[in-house]
Amino acid sequence: MNGSSEDVRVNDPFPASDPTFKLVSVTDTAAVIGLVSGSFSNGDDTITINVGETLVLAADDGTRYAIKIVSVAS
């Protein structure tokens, strides 16, 4: 998240410093994340990010989060 690595388990909120997102589920190739409260601007409750992909999300207050799924461990 924003250049800092953080281990996250399913149902954990993240980042630890500002718990905005939660890890909903994982597969070998992707992670599904949601918001701790509310939904994304398109109305979806979750979004899927593939391993190796970086997704940049902007909060209502203008804070930007760059989320990259580096690896998925079982």
N, C-alpha and C. Protein backbone atom coordinates (compact mmCIF):
# COMPACT_ATOMS: atom_id res chain seq x y z
N MET A 1 0.84 -1.16 0.00
CA MET A 1 0.00 0.00 0.00
C MET A 1 0.89 1.23 0.00
N ASN A 2 0.79 2.04 -1.04
CA ASN A 2 1.56 3.29 -1.15
C ASN A 2 3.04 3.07 -0.90
N GLY A 3 3.57 1.95 -1.41
CA GLY A 3 5.00 1.66 -1.31
C GLY A 3 5.43 0.92 -0.07
N SER A 4 4.53 0.66 0.87
CA SER A 4 4.86 -0.08 2.07
C SER A 4 4.19 -1.45 2.03
N SER A 5 4.94 -2.46 2.42
CA SER A 5 4.42 -3.81 2.43
C SER A 5 3.66 -4.08 3.72
N GLU A 6 2.59 -4.84 3.61
CA GLU A 6 1.80 -5.19 4.79
C GLU A 6 1.15 -6.55 4.54
N ASP A 7 1.32 -7.48 5.47
CA ASP A 7 0.65 -8.78 5.39
C ASP A 7 -0.78 -8.59 5.86
N VAL A 8 -1.73 -9.13 5.10
CA VAL A 8 -3.14 -8.98 5.42
C VAL A 8 -3.81 -10.35 5.29
N ARG A 9 -4.64 -10.69 6.26
CA ARG A 9 -5.41 -11.94 6.23
C ARG A 9 -6.85 -11.63 5.81
N VAL A 10 -7.55 -12.66 5.32
CA VAL A 10 -8.95 -12.49 4.94
C VAL A 10 -9.73 -11.91 6.12
N ASN A 11 -10.56 -10.94 5.83
CA ASN A 11 -11.40 -10.17 6.76
C ASN A 11 -10.64 -9.11 7.54
N ASP A 12 -9.32 -9.00 7.37
CA ASP A 12 -8.55 -7.95 8.05
C ASP A 12 -8.74 -6.61 7.35
N PRO A 13 -8.87 -5.53 8.13
CA PRO A 13 -8.85 -4.18 7.54
C PRO A 13 -7.40 -3.76 7.29
N PHE A 14 -7.20 -2.91 6.31
CA PHE A 14 -5.87 -2.38 6.00
C PHE A 14 -6.01 -1.05 5.31
N PRO A 15 -4.96 -0.21 5.27
CA PRO A 15 -3.68 -0.34 5.95
C PRO A 15 -3.83 -0.16 7.46
N ALA A 16 -2.88 -0.68 8.20
CA ALA A 16 -2.96 -0.62 9.67
C ALA A 16 -3.04 0.82 10.16
N SER A 17 -2.38 1.73 9.48
CA SER A 17 -2.34 3.13 9.92
C SER A 17 -3.66 3.88 9.65
N ASP A 18 -4.47 3.38 8.72
CA ASP A 18 -5.74 4.03 8.35
C ASP A 18 -6.65 2.97 7.75
N PRO A 19 -7.25 2.10 8.57
CA PRO A 19 -8.02 0.96 8.05
C PRO A 19 -9.21 1.39 7.19
N THR A 20 -8.99 1.42 5.90
CA THR A 20 -9.98 1.87 4.94
C THR A 20 -10.57 0.71 4.15
N PHE A 21 -9.74 -0.31 3.89
CA PHE A 21 -10.13 -1.44 3.06
C PHE A 21 -10.16 -2.71 3.90
N LYS A 22 -10.78 -3.76 3.37
CA LYS A 22 -10.71 -5.07 4.00
C LYS A 22 -10.50 -6.11 2.92
N LEU A 23 -9.74 -7.14 3.26
CA LEU A 23 -9.50 -8.24 2.34
C LEU A 23 -10.68 -9.19 2.46
N VAL A 24 -11.42 -9.35 1.37
CA VAL A 24 -12.63 -10.16 1.38
C VAL A 24 -12.33 -11.62 1.08
N SER A 25 -11.50 -11.86 0.05
CA SER A 25 -11.13 -13.22 -0.32
C SER A 25 -9.88 -13.20 -1.18
N VAL A 26 -9.26 -14.37 -1.31
CA VAL A 26 -8.08 -14.51 -2.16
C VAL A 26 -8.14 -15.81 -2.94
N THR A 27 -7.49 -15.81 -4.10
CA THR A 27 -7.24 -17.02 -4.87
C THR A 27 -5.75 -17.05 -5.13
N ASP A 28 -5.30 -18.01 -5.89
CA ASP A 28 -3.88 -18.07 -6.23
C ASP A 28 -3.43 -16.90 -7.09
N THR A 29 -4.37 -16.26 -7.78
CA THR A 29 -4.01 -15.22 -8.74
C THR A 29 -4.57 -13.84 -8.46
N ALA A 30 -5.41 -13.71 -7.44
CA ALA A 30 -6.06 -12.41 -7.23
C ALA A 30 -6.54 -12.26 -5.79
N ALA A 31 -6.84 -11.02 -5.44
CA ALA A 31 -7.43 -10.70 -4.15
C ALA A 31 -8.67 -9.84 -4.38
N VAL A 32 -9.68 -10.08 -3.59
CA VAL A 32 -10.90 -9.28 -3.65
C VAL A 32 -10.91 -8.39 -2.42
N ILE A 33 -11.02 -7.08 -2.64
CA ILE A 33 -11.05 -6.15 -1.52
C ILE A 33 -12.35 -5.36 -1.52
N GLY A 34 -12.72 -4.92 -0.32
CA GLY A 34 -13.89 -4.07 -0.16
C GLY A 34 -13.50 -2.90 0.73
N LEU A 35 -14.45 -2.06 1.00
CA LEU A 35 -14.24 -0.94 1.90
C LEU A 35 -14.71 -1.33 3.30
N VAL A 36 -14.07 -0.78 4.32
CA VAL A 36 -14.51 -1.02 5.69
C VAL A 36 -15.95 -0.54 5.85
N SER A 37 -16.28 0.59 5.23
CA SER A 37 -17.67 1.04 5.23
C SER A 37 -17.97 1.67 3.87
N GLY A 38 -19.17 1.47 3.40
CA GLY A 38 -19.58 2.05 2.14
C GLY A 38 -19.27 1.18 0.95
N SER A 39 -19.35 1.79 -0.22
CA SER A 39 -19.08 1.08 -1.47
C SER A 39 -18.23 1.97 -2.37
N PHE A 40 -17.70 1.36 -3.42
CA PHE A 40 -16.88 2.11 -4.37
C PHE A 40 -17.78 3.04 -5.19
N SER A 41 -17.19 4.02 -5.84
CA SER A 41 -17.97 5.05 -6.56
C SER A 41 -18.85 4.47 -7.66
N ASN A 42 -18.50 3.28 -8.17
CA ASN A 42 -19.33 2.66 -9.20
C ASN A 42 -20.48 1.86 -8.58
N GLY A 43 -20.57 1.86 -7.23
CA GLY A 43 -21.64 1.16 -6.55
C GLY A 43 -21.31 -0.27 -6.13
N ASP A 44 -20.19 -0.79 -6.62
CA ASP A 44 -19.78 -2.16 -6.27
C ASP A 44 -19.29 -2.22 -4.83
N ASP A 45 -19.53 -3.35 -4.19
CA ASP A 45 -19.06 -3.56 -2.82
C ASP A 45 -17.62 -4.03 -2.77
N THR A 46 -17.15 -4.67 -3.86
CA THR A 46 -15.78 -5.20 -3.90
C THR A 46 -15.14 -4.92 -5.25
N ILE A 47 -13.83 -5.10 -5.27
CA ILE A 47 -13.06 -4.98 -6.50
C ILE A 47 -11.98 -6.06 -6.47
N THR A 48 -11.68 -6.63 -7.62
CA THR A 48 -10.67 -7.68 -7.72
C THR A 48 -9.37 -7.10 -8.26
N ILE A 49 -8.28 -7.45 -7.60
CA ILE A 49 -6.95 -7.02 -8.04
C ILE A 49 -6.13 -8.28 -8.28
N ASN A 50 -5.57 -8.40 -9.48
CA ASN A 50 -4.74 -9.55 -9.81
C ASN A 50 -3.34 -9.39 -9.23
N VAL A 51 -2.70 -10.53 -8.93
CA VAL A 51 -1.33 -10.51 -8.44
C VAL A 51 -0.46 -9.79 -9.47
N GLY A 52 0.37 -8.86 -9.00
CA GLY A 52 1.24 -8.07 -9.87
C GLY A 52 0.62 -6.79 -10.36
N GLU A 53 -0.67 -6.64 -10.24
CA GLU A 53 -1.38 -5.45 -10.69
C GLU A 53 -1.36 -4.37 -9.59
N THR A 54 -1.30 -3.11 -10.01
CA THR A 54 -1.42 -2.00 -9.08
C THR A 54 -2.70 -1.26 -9.39
N LEU A 55 -3.46 -0.97 -8.36
CA LEU A 55 -4.69 -0.24 -8.51
C LEU A 55 -4.61 1.01 -7.66
N VAL A 56 -4.94 2.17 -8.22
CA VAL A 56 -4.93 3.42 -7.47
C VAL A 56 -6.37 3.84 -7.24
N LEU A 57 -6.70 4.00 -5.95
CA LEU A 57 -8.04 4.41 -5.56
C LEU A 57 -7.97 5.75 -4.84
N ALA A 58 -8.96 6.59 -5.04
CA ALA A 58 -9.01 7.90 -4.38
C ALA A 58 -10.20 7.95 -3.44
N ALA A 59 -9.96 8.37 -2.22
CA ALA A 59 -11.02 8.53 -1.22
C ALA A 59 -11.75 9.84 -1.45
N ASP A 60 -12.91 9.98 -0.82
CA ASP A 60 -13.69 11.21 -0.96
C ASP A 60 -12.92 12.43 -0.51
N ASP A 61 -12.00 12.26 0.45
CA ASP A 61 -11.23 13.40 0.96
C ASP A 61 -10.00 13.70 0.12
N GLY A 62 -9.83 12.97 -1.00
CA GLY A 62 -8.70 13.20 -1.89
C GLY A 62 -7.49 12.33 -1.63
N THR A 63 -7.49 11.58 -0.52
CA THR A 63 -6.39 10.66 -0.24
C THR A 63 -6.34 9.59 -1.32
N ARG A 64 -5.13 9.34 -1.83
CA ARG A 64 -4.95 8.33 -2.87
C ARG A 64 -4.23 7.12 -2.29
N TYR A 65 -4.71 5.95 -2.67
CA TYR A 65 -4.12 4.69 -2.22
C TYR A 65 -3.69 3.88 -3.44
N ALA A 66 -2.42 3.52 -3.49
CA ALA A 66 -1.92 2.63 -4.54
C ALA A 66 -1.79 1.25 -3.91
N ILE A 67 -2.60 0.31 -4.37
CA ILE A 67 -2.61 -1.03 -3.82
C ILE A 67 -2.04 -1.98 -4.86
N LYS A 68 -1.01 -2.73 -4.47
CA LYS A 68 -0.43 -3.72 -5.36
C LYS A 68 -0.40 -5.06 -4.63
N ILE A 69 -0.92 -6.07 -5.29
CA ILE A 69 -0.89 -7.42 -4.75
C ILE A 69 0.41 -8.04 -5.21
N VAL A 70 1.34 -8.23 -4.29
CA VAL A 70 2.67 -8.75 -4.61
C VAL A 70 2.63 -10.27 -4.68
N SER A 71 1.98 -10.89 -3.69
CA SER A 71 1.88 -12.35 -3.68
C SER A 71 0.72 -12.76 -2.80
N VAL A 72 0.30 -13.99 -2.99
CA VAL A 72 -0.78 -14.56 -2.18
C VAL A 72 -0.23 -15.84 -1.56
N ALA A 73 -0.29 -15.92 -0.24
CA ALA A 73 0.19 -17.10 0.47
C ALA A 73 -1.00 -17.86 1.02
N SER A 74 -0.83 -19.16 1.14
CA SER A 74 -1.92 -19.97 1.69
C SER A 74 -1.72 -20.21 3.17
